[in-house]
Amino acid sequence: MAGLRLFSFSQQLLELSARLRAARHEILSANVANADTPGYRPRDLDFGSILRAAAEGDPSAGGETGRAAEGPSAPRVDWRAAIYEPEYPDNRHGEARLDRNSVGIDRQMALLAENALAYEANLTLLSRTLAALRFAISEGRR
């Protein structure tokens, strides 16, 4: 049957979002692990721009040539290109460190907690959409 799609574009974006959250968690965990490494600068993943580009079907984001909404699987995204070194102009934790490490452990832990909550919410939404699909396949029977 041409045109029948098992997974909607929303489900594909939920899958992509979960993968990006997992990737961001790795990056933030690396920041915490290097909190005492001299010269280390924290990194982060520009989650919003990747997801926005994938939603718009931007081929440069790894989407499928502007038709990501119709693809059979989630858009492929090279998230490594979206890693950046954030600047925190409101960093008021006193003097600069002598080892030039700019990791603020409190900030990184807060970002990790925020990302974990968003990841959990994402998985809950994905699970509910799959449960609705399972319900439809079983014709309402349990």
Foldseek 3Di string as FASTA:
>chain_A
DPPDALDFLVLLLLVVLLVQLVVQLVQLVVLLVCQPPQQDFRKGFPSVVLSVCQVQQPVVQQGDNRPNRPDNHRRDGDRVVRMDGDDDPPPDPDDQDPSNYDRDNVVSVVVSVVSVVVSVVSVVVSVVVVVVSVCVVVVNDD
